[in-house]
Amino acid sequence: MDHNSKCKSKEIRFRRLKKSDVPQIQDVALKSWKYAYRTVYTPKNIRKFVSRYYSNDSFANLVFPAIRKNQSCFHVALDGNRVIGYSQVAKTKLGWELLRIYLLPRYIGRGIGKKLLHHTERFLKQNHAKAYFAYAHMGNRISLQFYRGSGFVRKKARDQSPTSYCFVKELRH
């Protein structure tokens, strides 16, 4: 096995989101969406989605208030001082949902996503969650493989649409 295929803990650090991270999160979001959804959406639609879901207003009015209320947790992965990935889980009407987990393409396959999930799951367990779920577009093969490899199970009855699959992961306490 190539020694670069695994995450080296002294290179990559994990911590909670800070307001100063938002511009870097926006940059990572655009790059990771362009990679993950390149065969699903047009570049114009990707830019539109990212500008909506990762806007400064979205962070100010949705993300940070939910974090303050302990209804959400947002972790970032850093290489040095540079944000290279992130994950966010939030309490929704349907339960705890993994809203987003993305990495810059060159960091995929190095165990960083699984470590982000580990931090997310620690938060969920502290909040007595028994399970959480995520949606993945059928055309985003990277996410489908990631969820299956991370212990999630597809729940067809909870799919959002014929193209948006629901994955659920039970948590062991």
N, C-alpha and C. Protein backbone atom coordinates (compact mmCIF):
# COMPACT_ATOMS: atom_id res chain seq x y z
N MET A 1 0.84 -1.18 0.00
CA MET A 1 0.00 0.00 0.00
C MET A 1 0.88 1.24 0.00
N ASP A 2 0.54 2.19 -0.82
CA ASP A 2 1.26 3.45 -0.91
C ASP A 2 1.11 4.21 0.41
N HIS A 3 2.22 4.69 0.96
CA HIS A 3 2.17 5.38 2.25
C HIS A 3 1.39 6.68 2.16
N ASN A 4 1.18 7.24 0.99
CA ASN A 4 0.40 8.47 0.85
C ASN A 4 -1.09 8.21 0.81
N SER A 5 -1.53 6.95 0.74
CA SER A 5 -2.94 6.66 0.64
C SER A 5 -3.67 6.83 1.97
N LYS A 6 -2.96 6.83 3.05
CA LYS A 6 -3.58 7.01 4.36
C LYS A 6 -3.30 8.41 4.88
N CYS A 7 -4.23 8.91 5.67
CA CYS A 7 -4.09 10.23 6.26
C CYS A 7 -3.04 10.17 7.36
N LYS A 8 -2.10 11.08 7.32
CA LYS A 8 -1.11 11.18 8.38
C LYS A 8 -1.60 12.22 9.36
N SER A 9 -1.83 11.81 10.61
CA SER A 9 -2.48 12.69 11.57
C SER A 9 -1.68 13.96 11.85
N LYS A 10 -0.35 13.93 11.69
CA LYS A 10 0.40 15.15 11.97
C LYS A 10 0.31 16.15 10.81
N GLU A 11 -0.13 15.70 9.63
CA GLU A 11 -0.33 16.62 8.51
C GLU A 11 -1.72 17.24 8.54
N ILE A 12 -2.72 16.43 8.79
CA ILE A 12 -4.11 16.86 8.72
C ILE A 12 -4.66 17.04 10.13
N ARG A 13 -5.27 18.20 10.36
CA ARG A 13 -5.90 18.49 11.66
C ARG A 13 -7.40 18.65 11.45
N PHE A 14 -8.15 18.43 12.52
CA PHE A 14 -9.61 18.55 12.49
C PHE A 14 -10.03 19.45 13.64
N ARG A 15 -11.01 20.31 13.36
CA ARG A 15 -11.56 21.17 14.40
C ARG A 15 -12.93 21.66 13.96
N ARG A 16 -13.58 22.35 14.88
CA ARG A 16 -14.89 22.93 14.59
C ARG A 16 -14.73 24.17 13.71
N LEU A 17 -15.78 24.47 12.97
CA LEU A 17 -15.82 25.61 12.07
C LEU A 17 -15.66 26.93 12.83
N LYS A 18 -14.89 27.84 12.24
CA LYS A 18 -14.77 29.22 12.72
C LYS A 18 -15.31 30.14 11.64
N LYS A 19 -15.78 31.31 12.01
CA LYS A 19 -16.30 32.26 11.01
C LYS A 19 -15.24 32.59 9.97
N SER A 20 -14.00 32.64 10.37
CA SER A 20 -12.93 32.97 9.43
C SER A 20 -12.70 31.88 8.38
N ASP A 21 -13.28 30.68 8.59
CA ASP A 21 -13.14 29.58 7.63
C ASP A 21 -14.07 29.71 6.43
N VAL A 22 -15.10 30.51 6.54
CA VAL A 22 -16.15 30.52 5.52
C VAL A 22 -15.62 30.75 4.10
N PRO A 23 -14.75 31.74 3.85
CA PRO A 23 -14.26 31.89 2.47
C PRO A 23 -13.55 30.64 1.93
N GLN A 24 -12.78 29.97 2.78
CA GLN A 24 -12.11 28.74 2.34
C GLN A 24 -13.12 27.61 2.13
N ILE A 25 -14.15 27.54 2.97
CA ILE A 25 -15.21 26.53 2.79
C ILE A 25 -15.88 26.75 1.43
N GLN A 26 -16.16 27.99 1.11
CA GLN A 26 -16.81 28.31 -0.17
C GLN A 26 -15.93 27.87 -1.34
N ASP A 27 -14.63 28.07 -1.23
CA ASP A 27 -13.70 27.66 -2.28
C ASP A 27 -13.65 26.13 -2.41
N VAL A 28 -13.55 25.44 -1.28
CA VAL A 28 -13.53 23.98 -1.29
C VAL A 28 -14.86 23.45 -1.85
N ALA A 29 -15.95 24.07 -1.47
CA ALA A 29 -17.26 23.63 -1.96
C ALA A 29 -17.32 23.69 -3.48
N LEU A 30 -16.91 24.80 -4.05
CA LEU A 30 -16.97 24.94 -5.50
C LEU A 30 -16.08 23.90 -6.19
N LYS A 31 -14.87 23.73 -5.71
CA LYS A 31 -13.95 22.76 -6.33
C LYS A 31 -14.44 21.33 -6.16
N SER A 32 -14.95 21.00 -4.99
CA SER A 32 -15.39 19.63 -4.75
C SER A 32 -16.70 19.33 -5.50
N TRP A 33 -17.59 20.30 -5.58
CA TRP A 33 -18.82 20.09 -6.34
C TRP A 33 -18.51 19.94 -7.83
N LYS A 34 -17.59 20.75 -8.34
CA LYS A 34 -17.22 20.62 -9.76
C LYS A 34 -16.69 19.21 -10.05
N TYR A 35 -15.99 18.65 -9.10
CA TYR A 35 -15.44 17.30 -9.27
C TYR A 35 -16.52 16.24 -9.07
N ALA A 36 -17.25 16.31 -7.97
CA ALA A 36 -18.21 15.27 -7.62
C ALA A 36 -19.41 15.22 -8.56
N TYR A 37 -19.82 16.38 -9.05
CA TYR A 37 -21.04 16.45 -9.86
C TYR A 37 -20.78 16.78 -11.32
N ARG A 38 -19.55 16.58 -11.77
CA ARG A 38 -19.17 16.95 -13.14
C ARG A 38 -19.98 16.24 -14.21
N THR A 39 -20.48 15.04 -13.91
CA THR A 39 -21.28 14.31 -14.90
C THR A 39 -22.79 14.43 -14.62
N VAL A 40 -23.14 15.20 -13.59
CA VAL A 40 -24.53 15.30 -13.17
C VAL A 40 -25.14 16.66 -13.52
N TYR A 41 -24.41 17.73 -13.19
CA TYR A 41 -24.91 19.09 -13.38
C TYR A 41 -23.98 19.88 -14.30
N THR A 42 -24.52 20.92 -14.90
CA THR A 42 -23.70 21.81 -15.72
C THR A 42 -22.85 22.67 -14.80
N PRO A 43 -21.70 23.17 -15.29
CA PRO A 43 -20.88 24.07 -14.46
C PRO A 43 -21.69 25.28 -13.96
N LYS A 44 -22.59 25.79 -14.79
CA LYS A 44 -23.42 26.93 -14.39
C LYS A 44 -24.32 26.57 -13.21
N ASN A 45 -24.95 25.39 -13.26
CA ASN A 45 -25.81 24.96 -12.15
C ASN A 45 -25.00 24.68 -10.89
N ILE A 46 -23.81 24.14 -11.03
CA ILE A 46 -22.95 23.91 -9.87
C ILE A 46 -22.63 25.24 -9.20
N ARG A 47 -22.24 26.23 -9.98
CA ARG A 47 -21.95 27.56 -9.39
C ARG A 47 -23.18 28.14 -8.70
N LYS A 48 -24.36 27.95 -9.31
CA LYS A 48 -25.60 28.46 -8.73
C LYS A 48 -25.90 27.77 -7.40
N PHE A 49 -25.81 26.44 -7.37
CA PHE A 49 -26.07 25.69 -6.13
C PHE A 49 -25.09 26.10 -5.03
N VAL A 50 -23.82 26.14 -5.36
CA VAL A 50 -22.81 26.48 -4.35
C VAL A 50 -23.00 27.90 -3.85
N SER A 51 -23.28 28.84 -4.75
CA SER A 51 -23.46 30.22 -4.30
C SER A 51 -24.68 30.34 -3.38
N ARG A 52 -25.70 29.50 -3.58
CA ARG A 52 -26.88 29.53 -2.71
C ARG A 52 -26.60 28.85 -1.37
N TYR A 53 -26.12 27.62 -1.41
CA TYR A 53 -25.96 26.82 -0.19
C TYR A 53 -24.77 27.22 0.67
N TYR A 54 -23.83 27.94 0.08
CA TYR A 54 -22.62 28.32 0.81
C TYR A 54 -22.46 29.84 0.88
N SER A 55 -23.54 30.56 0.72
CA SER A 55 -23.46 32.03 0.76
C SER A 55 -23.12 32.49 2.18
N ASN A 56 -22.60 33.70 2.26
CA ASN A 56 -22.33 34.29 3.58
C ASN A 56 -23.62 34.36 4.39
N ASP A 57 -24.74 34.71 3.75
CA ASP A 57 -26.02 34.78 4.44
C ASP A 57 -26.44 33.41 4.97
N SER A 58 -26.21 32.36 4.19
CA SER A 58 -26.55 31.01 4.63
C SER A 58 -25.78 30.64 5.91
N PHE A 59 -24.51 30.96 5.93
CA PHE A 59 -23.72 30.69 7.13
C PHE A 59 -24.20 31.54 8.30
N ALA A 60 -24.42 32.84 8.06
CA ALA A 60 -24.82 33.76 9.13
C ALA A 60 -26.21 33.45 9.68
N ASN A 61 -27.13 33.08 8.79
CA ASN A 61 -28.53 32.93 9.21
C ASN A 61 -28.96 31.50 9.50
N LEU A 62 -28.21 30.52 9.02
CA LEU A 62 -28.59 29.12 9.22
C LEU A 62 -27.53 28.30 9.96
N VAL A 63 -26.32 28.29 9.43
CA VAL A 63 -25.29 27.41 9.96
C VAL A 63 -24.87 27.81 11.38
N PHE A 64 -24.41 29.05 11.56
CA PHE A 64 -23.91 29.44 12.87
C PHE A 64 -25.01 29.48 13.95
N PRO A 65 -26.23 29.94 13.65
CA PRO A 65 -27.28 29.86 14.68
C PRO A 65 -27.59 28.42 15.11
N ALA A 66 -27.63 27.49 14.16
CA ALA A 66 -27.89 26.08 14.50
C ALA A 66 -26.76 25.51 15.36
N ILE A 67 -25.52 25.90 15.07
CA ILE A 67 -24.38 25.45 15.88
C ILE A 67 -24.53 25.98 17.31
N ARG A 68 -24.85 27.27 17.44
CA ARG A 68 -25.01 27.86 18.77
C ARG A 68 -26.10 27.17 19.59
N LYS A 69 -27.14 26.68 18.92
CA LYS A 69 -28.25 25.99 19.60
C LYS A 69 -27.96 24.50 19.81
N ASN A 70 -26.77 24.05 19.42
CA ASN A 70 -26.38 22.64 19.50
C ASN A 70 -27.27 21.75 18.64
N GLN A 71 -27.83 22.32 17.58
CA GLN A 71 -28.64 21.57 16.63
C GLN A 71 -27.84 21.23 15.37
N SER A 72 -26.57 21.57 15.39
CA SER A 72 -25.70 21.28 14.25
C SER A 72 -24.26 21.28 14.72
N CYS A 73 -23.44 20.58 13.96
CA CYS A 73 -22.01 20.58 14.19
C CYS A 73 -21.33 20.60 12.83
N PHE A 74 -20.31 21.42 12.70
CA PHE A 74 -19.62 21.60 11.43
C PHE A 74 -18.12 21.46 11.71
N HIS A 75 -17.51 20.42 11.15
CA HIS A 75 -16.08 20.18 11.32
C HIS A 75 -15.33 20.52 10.03
N VAL A 76 -14.11 20.98 10.20
CA VAL A 76 -13.24 21.22 9.06
C VAL A 76 -11.99 20.36 9.19
N ALA A 77 -11.46 19.98 8.04
CA ALA A 77 -10.17 19.29 7.96
C ALA A 77 -9.19 20.29 7.39
N LEU A 78 -8.01 20.38 8.02
CA LEU A 78 -7.01 21.35 7.60
C LEU A 78 -5.70 20.67 7.28
N ASP A 79 -5.08 21.12 6.22
CA ASP A 79 -3.71 20.74 5.88
C ASP A 79 -2.91 22.01 6.12
N GLY A 80 -2.18 22.02 7.21
CA GLY A 80 -1.55 23.27 7.66
C GLY A 80 -2.66 24.19 8.12
N ASN A 81 -2.73 25.39 7.54
CA ASN A 81 -3.80 26.33 7.86
C ASN A 81 -4.87 26.39 6.79
N ARG A 82 -4.79 25.48 5.83
CA ARG A 82 -5.70 25.50 4.68
C ARG A 82 -6.83 24.50 4.86
N VAL A 83 -8.06 24.95 4.73
CA VAL A 83 -9.22 24.06 4.78
C VAL A 83 -9.21 23.19 3.52
N ILE A 84 -9.29 21.88 3.74
CA ILE A 84 -9.28 20.94 2.60
C ILE A 84 -10.55 20.10 2.54
N GLY A 85 -11.38 20.22 3.57
CA GLY A 85 -12.61 19.46 3.61
C GLY A 85 -13.45 19.84 4.81
N TYR A 86 -14.67 19.32 4.84
CA TYR A 86 -15.58 19.68 5.92
C TYR A 86 -16.75 18.70 5.95
N SER A 87 -17.42 18.69 7.09
CA SER A 87 -18.66 17.92 7.24
C SER A 87 -19.59 18.70 8.15
N GLN A 88 -20.89 18.57 7.89
CA GLN A 88 -21.89 19.20 8.74
C GLN A 88 -23.04 18.25 8.94
N VAL A 89 -23.45 18.11 10.19
CA VAL A 89 -24.63 17.34 10.55
C VAL A 89 -25.57 18.30 11.27
N ALA A 90 -26.88 18.10 11.09
CA ALA A 90 -27.86 18.97 11.75
C ALA A 90 -29.11 18.17 12.09
N LYS A 91 -29.78 18.64 13.12
CA LYS A 91 -31.05 18.04 13.51
C LYS A 91 -32.14 18.59 12.60
N THR A 92 -32.87 17.69 11.94
CA THR A 92 -33.94 18.07 11.03
C THR A 92 -35.24 17.42 11.52
N LYS A 93 -36.32 17.69 10.81
CA LYS A 93 -37.62 17.09 11.16
C LYS A 93 -37.57 15.56 11.10
N LEU A 94 -36.68 15.04 10.27
CA LEU A 94 -36.59 13.59 10.08
C LEU A 94 -35.52 12.93 10.96
N GLY A 95 -34.82 13.73 11.75
CA GLY A 95 -33.74 13.22 12.59
C GLY A 95 -32.43 13.90 12.25
N TRP A 96 -31.33 13.33 12.73
CA TRP A 96 -30.01 13.91 12.45
C TRP A 96 -29.62 13.58 11.01
N GLU A 97 -29.25 14.63 10.28
CA GLU A 97 -28.89 14.47 8.86
C GLU A 97 -27.49 14.99 8.59
N LEU A 98 -26.72 14.19 7.90
CA LEU A 98 -25.42 14.64 7.40
C LEU A 98 -25.72 15.49 6.17
N LEU A 99 -25.63 16.80 6.34
CA LEU A 99 -25.99 17.72 5.27
C LEU A 99 -24.92 17.82 4.20
N ARG A 100 -23.67 17.75 4.64
CA ARG A 100 -22.57 17.89 3.68
C ARG A 100 -21.30 17.27 4.23
N ILE A 101 -20.58 16.66 3.32
CA ILE A 101 -19.23 16.18 3.59
C ILE A 101 -18.49 16.19 2.26
N TYR A 102 -17.48 17.01 2.18
CA TYR A 102 -16.72 17.17 0.93
C TYR A 102 -15.25 17.37 1.24
N LEU A 103 -14.44 16.94 0.27
CA LEU A 103 -12.99 17.13 0.33
C LEU A 103 -12.52 17.68 -1.01
N LEU A 104 -11.42 18.40 -0.97
CA LEU A 104 -10.78 18.75 -2.24
C LEU A 104 -10.42 17.44 -2.93
N PRO A 105 -10.59 17.36 -4.24
CA PRO A 105 -10.38 16.09 -4.95
C PRO A 105 -9.05 15.40 -4.66
N ARG A 106 -7.96 16.15 -4.53
CA ARG A 106 -6.66 15.50 -4.34
C ARG A 106 -6.50 14.83 -2.97
N TYR A 107 -7.45 15.09 -2.05
CA TYR A 107 -7.39 14.48 -0.72
C TYR A 107 -8.31 13.28 -0.57
N ILE A 108 -9.11 12.99 -1.59
CA ILE A 108 -10.04 11.86 -1.55
C ILE A 108 -9.24 10.54 -1.52
N GLY A 109 -9.70 9.61 -0.72
CA GLY A 109 -9.08 8.28 -0.64
C GLY A 109 -7.94 8.20 0.35
N ARG A 110 -7.79 9.20 1.20
CA ARG A 110 -6.70 9.21 2.17
C ARG A 110 -7.18 9.03 3.62
N GLY A 111 -8.46 8.69 3.78
CA GLY A 111 -9.00 8.45 5.13
C GLY A 111 -9.50 9.70 5.82
N ILE A 112 -9.43 10.83 5.17
CA ILE A 112 -9.83 12.10 5.80
C ILE A 112 -11.34 12.17 5.98
N GLY A 113 -12.08 11.71 4.98
CA GLY A 113 -13.54 11.70 5.09
C GLY A 113 -14.01 10.84 6.24
N LYS A 114 -13.38 9.70 6.42
CA LYS A 114 -13.76 8.82 7.54
C LYS A 114 -13.43 9.48 8.88
N LYS A 115 -12.34 10.24 8.93
CA LYS A 115 -12.03 10.94 10.18
C LYS A 115 -13.02 12.07 10.43
N LEU A 116 -13.46 12.74 9.38
CA LEU A 116 -14.52 13.75 9.55
C LEU A 116 -15.78 13.09 10.10
N LEU A 117 -16.13 11.93 9.56
CA LEU A 117 -17.29 11.20 10.07
C LEU A 117 -17.11 10.82 11.53
N HIS A 118 -15.92 10.41 11.90
CA HIS A 118 -15.64 10.05 13.29
C HIS A 118 -15.95 11.24 14.22
N HIS A 119 -15.49 12.44 13.85
CA HIS A 119 -15.76 13.63 14.67
C HIS A 119 -17.25 13.94 14.69
N THR A 120 -17.91 13.78 13.56
CA THR A 120 -19.35 14.00 13.48
C THR A 120 -20.08 13.01 14.38
N GLU A 121 -19.70 11.76 14.33
CA GLU A 121 -20.36 10.73 15.13
C GLU A 121 -20.11 10.92 16.62
N ARG A 122 -18.97 11.43 16.98
CA ARG A 122 -18.72 11.73 18.40
C ARG A 122 -19.72 12.78 18.89
N PHE A 123 -19.94 13.82 18.07
CA PHE A 123 -20.93 14.85 18.41
C PHE A 123 -22.32 14.21 18.52
N LEU A 124 -22.68 13.38 17.57
CA LEU A 124 -24.01 12.75 17.58
C LEU A 124 -24.21 11.89 18.82
N LYS A 125 -23.20 11.13 19.19
CA LYS A 125 -23.31 10.28 20.38
C LYS A 125 -23.45 11.12 21.64
N GLN A 126 -22.74 12.24 21.70
CA GLN A 126 -22.88 13.15 22.85
C GLN A 126 -24.30 13.70 22.94
N ASN A 127 -24.98 13.74 21.80
CA ASN A 127 -26.36 14.22 21.75
C ASN A 127 -27.37 13.08 21.70
N HIS A 128 -26.92 11.88 22.07
CA HIS A 128 -27.77 10.70 22.23
C HIS A 128 -28.48 10.25 20.95
N ALA A 129 -27.89 10.54 19.81
CA ALA A 129 -28.46 10.08 18.54
C ALA A 129 -28.24 8.59 18.40
N LYS A 130 -29.23 7.90 17.91
CA LYS A 130 -29.11 6.46 17.68
C LYS A 130 -28.75 6.16 16.23
N ALA A 131 -29.01 7.12 15.35
CA ALA A 131 -28.72 6.95 13.92
C ALA A 131 -28.70 8.32 13.27
N TYR A 132 -28.19 8.36 12.06
CA TYR A 132 -28.28 9.56 11.24
C TYR A 132 -28.34 9.14 9.79
N PHE A 133 -28.69 10.09 8.93
CA PHE A 133 -28.88 9.75 7.53
C PHE A 133 -28.27 10.81 6.63
N ALA A 134 -28.12 10.44 5.36
CA ALA A 134 -27.58 11.35 4.35
C ALA A 134 -28.24 11.03 3.02
N TYR A 135 -28.33 12.03 2.18
CA TYR A 135 -28.82 11.83 0.83
C TYR A 135 -27.64 11.94 -0.13
N ALA A 136 -27.69 11.13 -1.18
CA ALA A 136 -26.63 11.16 -2.19
C ALA A 136 -27.28 11.04 -3.57
N HIS A 137 -26.80 11.85 -4.48
CA HIS A 137 -27.29 11.78 -5.86
C HIS A 137 -26.74 10.52 -6.50
N MET A 138 -27.59 9.82 -7.23
CA MET A 138 -27.18 8.56 -7.86
C MET A 138 -26.00 8.73 -8.80
N GLY A 139 -25.80 9.93 -9.34
CA GLY A 139 -24.70 10.19 -10.25
C GLY A 139 -23.39 10.52 -9.56
N ASN A 140 -23.43 10.71 -8.24
CA ASN A 140 -22.23 11.03 -7.47
C ASN A 140 -21.64 9.72 -6.94
N ARG A 141 -20.94 9.02 -7.80
CA ARG A 141 -20.40 7.70 -7.47
C ARG A 141 -19.44 7.74 -6.26
N ILE A 142 -18.72 8.82 -6.12
CA ILE A 142 -17.79 8.95 -4.98
C ILE A 142 -18.56 8.87 -3.67
N SER A 143 -19.66 9.61 -3.57
CA SER A 143 -20.42 9.60 -2.31
C SER A 143 -21.10 8.25 -2.09
N LEU A 144 -21.61 7.63 -3.13
CA LEU A 144 -22.26 6.33 -2.96
C LEU A 144 -21.26 5.31 -2.40
N GLN A 145 -20.08 5.29 -2.97
CA GLN A 145 -19.03 4.37 -2.50
C GLN A 145 -18.61 4.72 -1.07
N PHE A 146 -18.47 6.01 -0.79
CA PHE A 146 -18.05 6.45 0.54
C PHE A 146 -19.07 6.03 1.61
N TYR A 147 -20.34 6.31 1.36
CA TYR A 147 -21.36 5.96 2.35
C TYR A 147 -21.41 4.46 2.60
N ARG A 148 -21.42 3.68 1.53
CA ARG A 148 -21.46 2.22 1.70
C ARG A 148 -20.23 1.73 2.46
N GLY A 149 -19.06 2.28 2.16
CA GLY A 149 -17.83 1.87 2.83
C GLY A 149 -17.71 2.36 4.25
N SER A 150 -18.59 3.29 4.64
CA SER A 150 -18.55 3.86 6.00
C SER A 150 -19.66 3.33 6.88
N GLY A 151 -20.32 2.27 6.44
CA GLY A 151 -21.34 1.63 7.29
C GLY A 151 -22.76 2.12 7.09
N PHE A 152 -23.00 2.96 6.11
CA PHE A 152 -24.37 3.40 5.82
C PHE A 152 -25.07 2.34 4.99
N VAL A 153 -26.38 2.26 5.14
CA VAL A 153 -27.21 1.33 4.40
C VAL A 153 -28.29 2.13 3.68
N ARG A 154 -28.50 1.82 2.42
CA ARG A 154 -29.53 2.54 1.66
C ARG A 154 -30.91 2.13 2.15
N LYS A 155 -31.76 3.13 2.32
CA LYS A 155 -33.17 2.94 2.71
C LYS A 155 -34.02 3.48 1.58
N LYS A 156 -34.37 2.61 0.65
CA LYS A 156 -35.11 3.02 -0.55
C LYS A 156 -36.41 3.75 -0.21
N ALA A 157 -37.08 3.33 0.86
CA ALA A 157 -38.35 3.95 1.24
C ALA A 157 -38.18 5.42 1.60
N ARG A 158 -36.96 5.83 1.93
CA ARG A 158 -36.71 7.22 2.32
C ARG A 158 -36.02 8.03 1.22
N ASP A 159 -35.82 7.44 0.04
CA ASP A 159 -35.24 8.19 -1.07
C ASP A 159 -36.07 9.45 -1.32
N GLN A 160 -35.38 10.55 -1.65
CA GLN A 160 -36.08 11.81 -1.92
C GLN A 160 -36.70 11.82 -3.30
N SER A 161 -36.09 11.11 -4.23
CA SER A 161 -36.55 11.06 -5.61
C SER A 161 -35.88 9.86 -6.26
N PRO A 162 -36.21 9.59 -7.52
CA PRO A 162 -35.53 8.46 -8.18
C PRO A 162 -34.02 8.65 -8.31
N THR A 163 -33.54 9.89 -8.17
CA THR A 163 -32.11 10.14 -8.32
C THR A 163 -31.41 10.50 -7.01
N SER A 164 -32.16 10.66 -5.92
CA SER A 164 -31.59 11.05 -4.63
C SER A 164 -31.82 9.94 -3.61
N TYR A 165 -30.76 9.20 -3.33
CA TYR A 165 -30.84 8.04 -2.45
C TYR A 165 -30.62 8.43 -1.00
N CYS A 166 -31.32 7.74 -0.11
CA CYS A 166 -31.15 7.95 1.34
C CYS A 166 -30.31 6.81 1.92
N PHE A 167 -29.33 7.20 2.70
CA PHE A 167 -28.47 6.25 3.40
C PHE A 167 -28.57 6.51 4.89
N VAL A 168 -28.67 5.44 5.69
CA VAL A 168 -28.80 5.55 7.13
C VAL A 168 -27.68 4.79 7.79
N LYS A 169 -27.18 5.36 8.88
CA LYS A 169 -26.14 4.66 9.66
C LYS A 169 -26.58 4.61 11.13
N GLU A 170 -26.62 3.43 11.65
CA GLU A 170 -26.92 3.23 13.08
C GLU A 170 -25.64 3.50 13.86
N LEU A 171 -25.79 4.10 15.03
CA LEU A 171 -24.64 4.40 15.87
C LEU A 171 -24.58 3.46 17.05
N ARG A 172 -23.38 3.00 17.36
CA ARG A 172 -23.17 2.14 18.53
C ARG A 172 -22.64 3.04 19.64
N HIS A 173 -23.28 2.92 20.80
CA HIS A 173 -22.85 3.73 21.96
C HIS A 173 -22.04 2.92 22.92
